[in-house]
């Protein structure tokens, strides 16, 4: 491959990555119920899908913690999950959600993390995804 072609290709690829990161949304995850679990979730647009990356501190090792995006806010959460995410395990979760970031951010939604599958009624962290009108 010729050097100018390679430069153009790399510029296009890295430009696309930079654009996706510019359009990303970061959500602060705050501890609930004295869990001490805090962190962030980053929503990255990937066309008609959205990648959600969660990094959470102070999580129990080896415990899968269910996590979902709900309609509403952390203070007024619709109990029915809108979009399920991969469980947080050892503080990490990565999920490709089958809707655009615009769909997720068109109204108030929240990321809600549960203590465990057995103790799903106990919320350990939550973060509001603010609408982008």
Protein backbone atom coordinates (compact mmCIF):
# COMPACT_ATOMS: atom_id res chain seq x y z
CA UNK A 1 0.00 0.00 0.00
CA UNK A 2 1.33 3.44 -0.89
CA UNK A 3 2.21 5.76 1.96
CA UNK A 4 -0.40 8.46 1.03
CA UNK A 5 -3.12 5.81 0.85
CA UNK A 6 -2.11 4.43 4.25
CA UNK A 7 -2.12 7.93 5.78
CA UNK A 8 -5.62 8.57 4.40
CA UNK A 9 -6.87 5.21 5.66
CA UNK A 10 -5.45 5.77 9.15
CA UNK A 11 -6.83 9.31 9.25
CA UNK A 12 -10.27 8.00 8.32
CA UNK A 13 -10.18 5.19 10.90
CA UNK A 14 -8.87 7.30 13.76
CA UNK A 15 -11.12 10.19 12.76
CA UNK A 16 -14.13 7.85 13.04
CA UNK A 17 -13.00 6.67 16.48
CA UNK A 18 -12.45 10.25 17.63
CA UNK A 19 -15.90 11.26 16.35
CA UNK A 20 -17.55 8.34 18.20
CA UNK A 21 -15.75 9.33 21.41
CA UNK A 22 -16.78 12.97 20.93
CA UNK A 23 -20.43 11.84 20.74
CA UNK A 24 -20.10 9.54 23.75
CA UNK A 25 -21.98 10.10 27.01
CA UNK A 26 -20.41 9.47 30.42
CA UNK A 27 -22.63 8.71 33.38
CA UNK A 28 -21.43 8.89 36.97
CA UNK A 29 -22.56 5.87 38.98
CA UNK A 30 -23.25 6.75 42.62
CA UNK A 31 -23.38 4.28 45.51
CA UNK A 32 -26.75 3.31 46.93
CA UNK A 33 -27.77 1.58 50.14
CA UNK A 34 -24.32 2.02 51.71
CA UNK A 35 -22.64 -0.21 49.11
CA UNK A 36 -19.63 2.04 48.52
CA UNK A 37 -19.78 1.01 44.85
CA UNK A 38 -19.08 3.99 42.59
CA UNK A 39 -17.79 4.45 39.07
CA UNK A 40 -18.84 5.40 35.60
CA UNK A 41 -20.57 4.15 32.49
CA UNK A 42 -19.61 5.33 29.03
CA UNK A 43 -22.11 5.10 26.20
CA UNK A 44 -20.41 5.10 22.80
CA UNK A 45 -22.48 5.41 19.60
CA UNK A 46 -21.81 2.71 17.02
CA UNK A 47 -24.33 3.42 14.28
CA UNK A 48 -27.70 1.91 15.20
CA UNK A 49 -26.18 0.37 18.33
CA UNK A 50 -24.59 1.73 21.50
CA UNK A 51 -21.65 0.23 23.36
CA UNK A 52 -21.99 0.60 27.14
CA UNK A 53 -18.80 0.22 29.16
CA UNK A 54 -19.15 0.14 32.95
CA UNK A 55 -16.27 0.48 35.41
CA UNK A 56 -17.26 0.15 39.05
CA UNK A 57 -15.08 0.32 42.18
CA UNK A 58 -15.51 -1.54 45.46
CA UNK A 59 -17.45 -4.47 43.95
CA UNK A 60 -17.47 -7.95 45.44
CA UNK A 61 -15.01 -10.22 43.61
CA UNK A 62 -16.55 -13.06 41.63
CA UNK A 63 -20.16 -11.88 42.05
CA UNK A 64 -22.22 -11.19 38.92
CA UNK A 65 -24.25 -8.04 39.54
CA UNK A 66 -27.23 -7.59 37.19
CA UNK A 67 -27.43 -4.19 35.50
CA UNK A 68 -30.03 -2.55 33.27
CA UNK A 69 -31.01 0.72 31.67
CA UNK A 70 -34.41 1.81 33.01
CA UNK A 71 -36.74 4.61 32.01
CA UNK A 72 -36.91 7.35 34.63
CA UNK A 73 -34.26 8.58 37.04
CA UNK A 74 -32.46 7.03 39.99
CA UNK A 75 -34.94 8.82 42.27
CA UNK A 76 -38.00 7.76 40.24
CA UNK A 77 -37.07 4.52 38.46
CA UNK A 78 -39.48 2.52 36.32
CA UNK A 79 -38.94 -0.94 37.86
CA UNK A 80 -39.23 -2.69 34.47
CA UNK A 81 -35.83 -2.73 32.71
CA UNK A 82 -35.81 -1.13 29.27
CA UNK A 83 -32.49 -2.60 28.08
CA UNK A 84 -30.56 -5.35 29.89
CA UNK A 85 -26.78 -5.03 30.10
CA UNK A 86 -24.10 -7.63 30.75
CA UNK A 87 -23.76 -8.21 34.49
CA UNK A 88 -20.97 -6.33 36.24
CA UNK A 89 -18.35 -8.84 37.32
CA UNK A 90 -15.21 -7.80 39.17
CA UNK A 91 -16.12 -4.17 38.45
CA UNK A 92 -16.46 -4.45 34.66
CA UNK A 93 -19.22 -4.80 32.08
CA UNK A 94 -19.31 -4.25 28.32
CA UNK A 95 -22.55 -4.52 26.34
CA UNK A 96 -23.63 -3.70 22.82
CA UNK A 97 -27.20 -2.36 23.14
CA UNK A 98 -29.25 -2.85 19.94
CA UNK A 99 -30.47 0.77 19.78
CA UNK A 100 -28.83 4.09 18.93
CA UNK A 101 -27.51 6.44 21.58
CA UNK A 102 -30.19 8.91 20.44
CA UNK A 103 -32.88 6.37 21.39
CA UNK A 104 -31.35 5.92 24.86
CA UNK A 105 -30.94 9.67 25.47
CA UNK A 106 -34.22 10.95 24.03
CA UNK A 107 -35.79 10.91 27.49
CA UNK A 108 -34.61 10.41 31.06
CA UNK A 109 -33.13 6.97 31.66
CA UNK A 110 -30.88 5.51 34.33
CA UNK A 111 -28.34 2.72 34.70
CA UNK A 112 -29.17 0.64 37.77
CA UNK A 113 -26.91 -2.01 39.31
CA UNK A 114 -28.19 -4.73 41.65
CA UNK A 115 -26.31 -6.41 44.49
CA UNK A 116 -26.60 -9.90 42.92
CA UNK A 117 -29.04 -12.14 41.10
CA UNK A 118 -30.23 -13.48 44.44
CA UNK A 119 -30.54 -10.00 45.95
CA UNK A 120 -31.85 -8.12 42.90
CA UNK A 121 -34.13 -5.99 45.10
CA UNK A 122 -31.06 -4.31 46.61
CA UNK A 123 -29.66 -1.52 44.42
CA UNK A 124 -25.94 -0.85 44.87
CA UNK A 125 -25.32 1.90 42.30
CA UNK A 126 -27.25 4.10 39.91
CA UNK A 127 -26.54 6.86 37.42
CA UNK A 128 -28.87 9.14 35.48
CA UNK A 129 -28.56 9.42 31.70
CA UNK A 130 -29.78 12.91 30.98
CA UNK A 131 -31.88 13.48 27.86
CA UNK A 132 -30.25 15.30 24.96
CA UNK A 133 -33.11 17.14 23.33
